[in-house]
Amino acid sequence: MPHKLQVTYFAILREQRGLSVEDLFTDAATLRALYDELRLKYRFTLPCERVRIAIDDAFVDWDHSLRDGQKLAFIPPVAGG
């Protein structure tokens, strides 16, 4: 059964996606599988090893399982000074 998720993209991922927040449905079981799916679909240039991920405002690892209704944030490294 697909999970409905709210996904927020930051920095380069927001630019590559063309928006900052979206609701989506996925059959992916883990964050890694979801990111792989999105990377192909939206042509993200960063591998998952370069991106931090948060679920419901807490950082988690890439093998974390997905559940319906979660709020995700993909946070790539940012430049600044």
N, C-alpha and C. Protein backbone atom coordinates (compact mmCIF):
# COMPACT_ATOMS: atom_id res chain seq x y z
N MET A 1 0.83 -1.18 0.00
CA MET A 1 0.00 0.00 0.00
C MET A 1 0.88 1.25 0.00
N PRO A 2 0.63 2.20 -0.87
CA PRO A 2 1.47 3.40 -0.94
C PRO A 2 1.38 4.26 0.33
N HIS A 3 2.49 4.92 0.61
CA HIS A 3 2.55 5.87 1.73
C HIS A 3 2.32 7.28 1.18
N LYS A 4 1.52 8.08 1.87
CA LYS A 4 1.41 9.50 1.52
C LYS A 4 2.37 10.25 2.42
N LEU A 5 3.27 11.02 1.80
CA LEU A 5 4.30 11.74 2.53
C LEU A 5 4.31 13.20 2.12
N GLN A 6 4.78 14.05 3.02
CA GLN A 6 5.05 15.44 2.66
C GLN A 6 6.57 15.58 2.64
N VAL A 7 7.10 16.01 1.50
CA VAL A 7 8.55 16.10 1.32
C VAL A 7 8.95 17.55 1.12
N THR A 8 9.96 17.98 1.87
CA THR A 8 10.53 19.32 1.74
C THR A 8 11.94 19.18 1.19
N TYR A 9 12.24 19.99 0.19
CA TYR A 9 13.57 19.99 -0.44
C TYR A 9 14.27 21.30 -0.12
N PHE A 10 15.57 21.22 0.14
CA PHE A 10 16.36 22.42 0.42
C PHE A 10 17.48 22.57 -0.59
N ALA A 11 17.93 23.82 -0.74
CA ALA A 11 19.11 24.17 -1.53
C ALA A 11 19.05 23.61 -2.95
N ILE A 12 20.10 22.91 -3.38
CA ILE A 12 20.18 22.44 -4.76
C ILE A 12 19.05 21.48 -5.12
N LEU A 13 18.58 20.70 -4.16
CA LEU A 13 17.48 19.78 -4.45
C LEU A 13 16.19 20.56 -4.74
N ARG A 14 15.98 21.66 -4.03
CA ARG A 14 14.83 22.52 -4.30
C ARG A 14 14.94 23.10 -5.71
N GLU A 15 16.13 23.52 -6.09
CA GLU A 15 16.33 24.07 -7.43
C GLU A 15 16.10 23.01 -8.50
N GLN A 16 16.63 21.81 -8.29
CA GLN A 16 16.48 20.75 -9.29
C GLN A 16 15.04 20.25 -9.38
N ARG A 17 14.32 20.25 -8.26
CA ARG A 17 12.92 19.81 -8.26
C ARG A 17 12.01 20.90 -8.79
N GLY A 18 12.35 22.16 -8.54
CA GLY A 18 11.52 23.26 -9.00
C GLY A 18 10.46 23.68 -8.01
N LEU A 19 10.51 23.13 -6.81
CA LEU A 19 9.62 23.56 -5.74
C LEU A 19 10.20 23.11 -4.41
N SER A 20 9.67 23.68 -3.33
CA SER A 20 10.26 23.37 -2.03
C SER A 20 9.51 22.30 -1.24
N VAL A 21 8.21 22.16 -1.46
CA VAL A 21 7.42 21.18 -0.71
C VAL A 21 6.43 20.51 -1.64
N GLU A 22 6.27 19.21 -1.46
CA GLU A 22 5.24 18.50 -2.22
C GLU A 22 4.70 17.33 -1.39
N ASP A 23 3.46 16.99 -1.65
CA ASP A 23 2.87 15.77 -1.12
C ASP A 23 3.00 14.72 -2.20
N LEU A 24 3.39 13.51 -1.82
CA LEU A 24 3.53 12.46 -2.82
C LEU A 24 3.15 11.11 -2.24
N PHE A 25 2.90 10.19 -3.14
CA PHE A 25 2.62 8.80 -2.78
C PHE A 25 3.78 7.95 -3.28
N THR A 26 4.19 6.97 -2.48
CA THR A 26 5.28 6.08 -2.88
C THR A 26 5.06 4.68 -2.32
N ASP A 27 5.59 3.71 -3.03
CA ASP A 27 5.62 2.33 -2.54
C ASP A 27 6.97 2.01 -1.91
N ALA A 28 7.88 2.98 -1.88
CA ALA A 28 9.21 2.75 -1.31
C ALA A 28 9.09 2.38 0.17
N ALA A 29 9.89 1.41 0.59
CA ALA A 29 9.85 0.94 1.97
C ALA A 29 10.78 1.73 2.89
N THR A 30 11.87 2.27 2.31
CA THR A 30 12.87 2.98 3.11
C THR A 30 13.17 4.34 2.49
N LEU A 31 13.83 5.17 3.27
CA LEU A 31 14.24 6.48 2.77
C LEU A 31 15.19 6.35 1.58
N ARG A 32 16.10 5.40 1.66
CA ARG A 32 17.05 5.20 0.55
C ARG A 32 16.31 4.86 -0.74
N ALA A 33 15.33 3.97 -0.65
CA ALA A 33 14.55 3.60 -1.84
C ALA A 33 13.76 4.79 -2.37
N LEU A 34 13.21 5.59 -1.48
CA LEU A 34 12.47 6.78 -1.91
C LEU A 34 13.41 7.76 -2.60
N TYR A 35 14.58 8.03 -2.00
CA TYR A 35 15.50 8.99 -2.61
C TYR A 35 15.97 8.49 -3.98
N ASP A 36 16.23 7.20 -4.09
CA ASP A 36 16.61 6.63 -5.40
C ASP A 36 15.50 6.87 -6.43
N GLU A 37 14.26 6.66 -6.01
CA GLU A 37 13.11 6.89 -6.89
C GLU A 37 13.03 8.36 -7.32
N LEU A 38 13.18 9.27 -6.36
CA LEU A 38 13.11 10.70 -6.66
C LEU A 38 14.31 11.16 -7.48
N ARG A 39 15.46 10.58 -7.20
CA ARG A 39 16.67 10.95 -7.94
C ARG A 39 16.53 10.64 -9.43
N LEU A 40 15.96 9.50 -9.73
CA LEU A 40 15.72 9.16 -11.13
C LEU A 40 14.65 10.06 -11.75
N LYS A 41 13.58 10.26 -11.03
CA LYS A 41 12.44 11.03 -11.55
C LYS A 41 12.79 12.50 -11.78
N TYR A 42 13.51 13.11 -10.82
CA TYR A 42 13.80 14.54 -10.89
C TYR A 42 15.24 14.86 -11.27
N ARG A 43 16.03 13.83 -11.53
CA ARG A 43 17.43 13.99 -11.94
C ARG A 43 18.29 14.73 -10.92
N PHE A 44 18.10 14.36 -9.65
CA PHE A 44 18.94 14.93 -8.61
C PHE A 44 20.39 14.51 -8.85
N THR A 45 21.31 15.44 -8.66
CA THR A 45 22.71 15.17 -8.94
C THR A 45 23.48 14.64 -7.73
N LEU A 46 22.93 14.79 -6.54
CA LEU A 46 23.64 14.37 -5.33
C LEU A 46 23.30 12.93 -4.95
N PRO A 47 24.32 12.13 -4.64
CA PRO A 47 24.03 10.79 -4.10
C PRO A 47 23.52 10.92 -2.66
N CYS A 48 22.85 9.91 -2.17
CA CYS A 48 22.27 10.01 -0.82
C CYS A 48 23.34 10.24 0.25
N GLU A 49 24.56 9.78 0.01
CA GLU A 49 25.63 9.95 1.00
C GLU A 49 25.94 11.42 1.27
N ARG A 50 25.54 12.30 0.37
CA ARG A 50 25.81 13.74 0.52
C ARG A 50 24.61 14.51 1.08
N VAL A 51 23.52 13.81 1.38
CA VAL A 51 22.28 14.45 1.81
C VAL A 51 21.90 13.96 3.20
N ARG A 52 21.48 14.87 4.06
CA ARG A 52 20.92 14.49 5.37
C ARG A 52 19.42 14.37 5.21
N ILE A 53 18.82 13.53 6.03
CA ILE A 53 17.39 13.32 5.95
C ILE A 53 16.78 13.41 7.34
N ALA A 54 15.65 14.09 7.41
CA ALA A 54 14.92 14.19 8.68
C ALA A 54 13.49 13.72 8.46
N ILE A 55 12.97 13.03 9.46
CA ILE A 55 11.57 12.65 9.48
C ILE A 55 10.94 13.29 10.70
N ASP A 56 9.87 14.02 10.47
CA ASP A 56 9.17 14.69 11.57
C ASP A 56 10.14 15.44 12.48
N ASP A 57 11.06 16.19 11.87
CA ASP A 57 12.01 17.07 12.55
C ASP A 57 13.14 16.37 13.30
N ALA A 58 13.38 15.09 13.05
CA ALA A 58 14.49 14.38 13.68
C ALA A 58 15.33 13.71 12.60
N PHE A 59 16.66 13.90 12.68
CA PHE A 59 17.54 13.25 11.71
C PHE A 59 17.51 11.74 11.91
N VAL A 60 17.49 11.02 10.79
CA VAL A 60 17.46 9.55 10.80
C VAL A 60 18.43 9.04 9.75
N ASP A 61 18.66 7.72 9.76
CA ASP A 61 19.56 7.15 8.75
C ASP A 61 18.75 6.72 7.52
N TRP A 62 19.46 6.40 6.46
CA TRP A 62 18.84 6.10 5.17
C TRP A 62 18.06 4.80 5.13
N ASP A 63 18.28 3.92 6.09
CA ASP A 63 17.57 2.65 6.10
C ASP A 63 16.29 2.70 6.93
N HIS A 64 15.95 3.88 7.41
CA HIS A 64 14.74 4.08 8.20
C HIS A 64 13.50 3.74 7.37
N SER A 65 12.55 3.05 7.97
CA SER A 65 11.31 2.67 7.27
C SER A 65 10.35 3.84 7.15
N LEU A 66 9.59 3.83 6.08
CA LEU A 66 8.59 4.88 5.85
C LEU A 66 7.22 4.44 6.35
N ARG A 67 6.47 5.43 6.86
CA ARG A 67 5.09 5.21 7.28
C ARG A 67 4.22 6.33 6.72
N ASP A 68 2.99 6.04 6.51
CA ASP A 68 2.03 7.00 5.98
C ASP A 68 1.97 8.24 6.89
N GLY A 69 1.91 9.41 6.25
CA GLY A 69 1.73 10.66 6.98
C GLY A 69 2.99 11.33 7.48
N GLN A 70 4.16 10.76 7.23
CA GLN A 70 5.39 11.36 7.71
C GLN A 70 5.75 12.62 6.92
N LYS A 71 6.47 13.52 7.60
CA LYS A 71 7.00 14.73 6.97
C LYS A 71 8.51 14.56 6.86
N LEU A 72 9.00 14.58 5.61
CA LEU A 72 10.42 14.36 5.35
C LEU A 72 11.08 15.66 4.91
N ALA A 73 12.37 15.77 5.19
CA ALA A 73 13.16 16.89 4.68
C ALA A 73 14.48 16.34 4.16
N PHE A 74 14.79 16.65 2.91
CA PHE A 74 16.06 16.31 2.29
C PHE A 74 16.94 17.55 2.36
N ILE A 75 18.09 17.43 3.06
CA ILE A 75 18.93 18.59 3.34
C ILE A 75 20.34 18.33 2.80
N PRO A 76 20.65 18.90 1.65
CA PRO A 76 22.00 18.73 1.09
C PRO A 76 23.00 19.67 1.78
N PRO A 77 24.30 19.46 1.55
CA PRO A 77 25.27 20.40 2.09
C PRO A 77 25.04 21.77 1.47
N VAL A 78 25.24 22.81 2.24
CA VAL A 78 25.06 24.16 1.72
C VAL A 78 26.36 24.93 1.88
N ALA A 79 26.61 25.80 0.93
CA ALA A 79 27.78 26.67 0.99
C ALA A 79 27.38 27.96 1.67
N GLY A 80 28.31 28.57 2.27
CA GLY A 80 28.02 29.84 2.92
C GLY A 80 29.24 30.34 3.64
N GLY A 81 29.08 31.49 4.22
CA GLY A 81 30.24 31.99 4.93
C GLY A 81 29.95 33.21 5.71
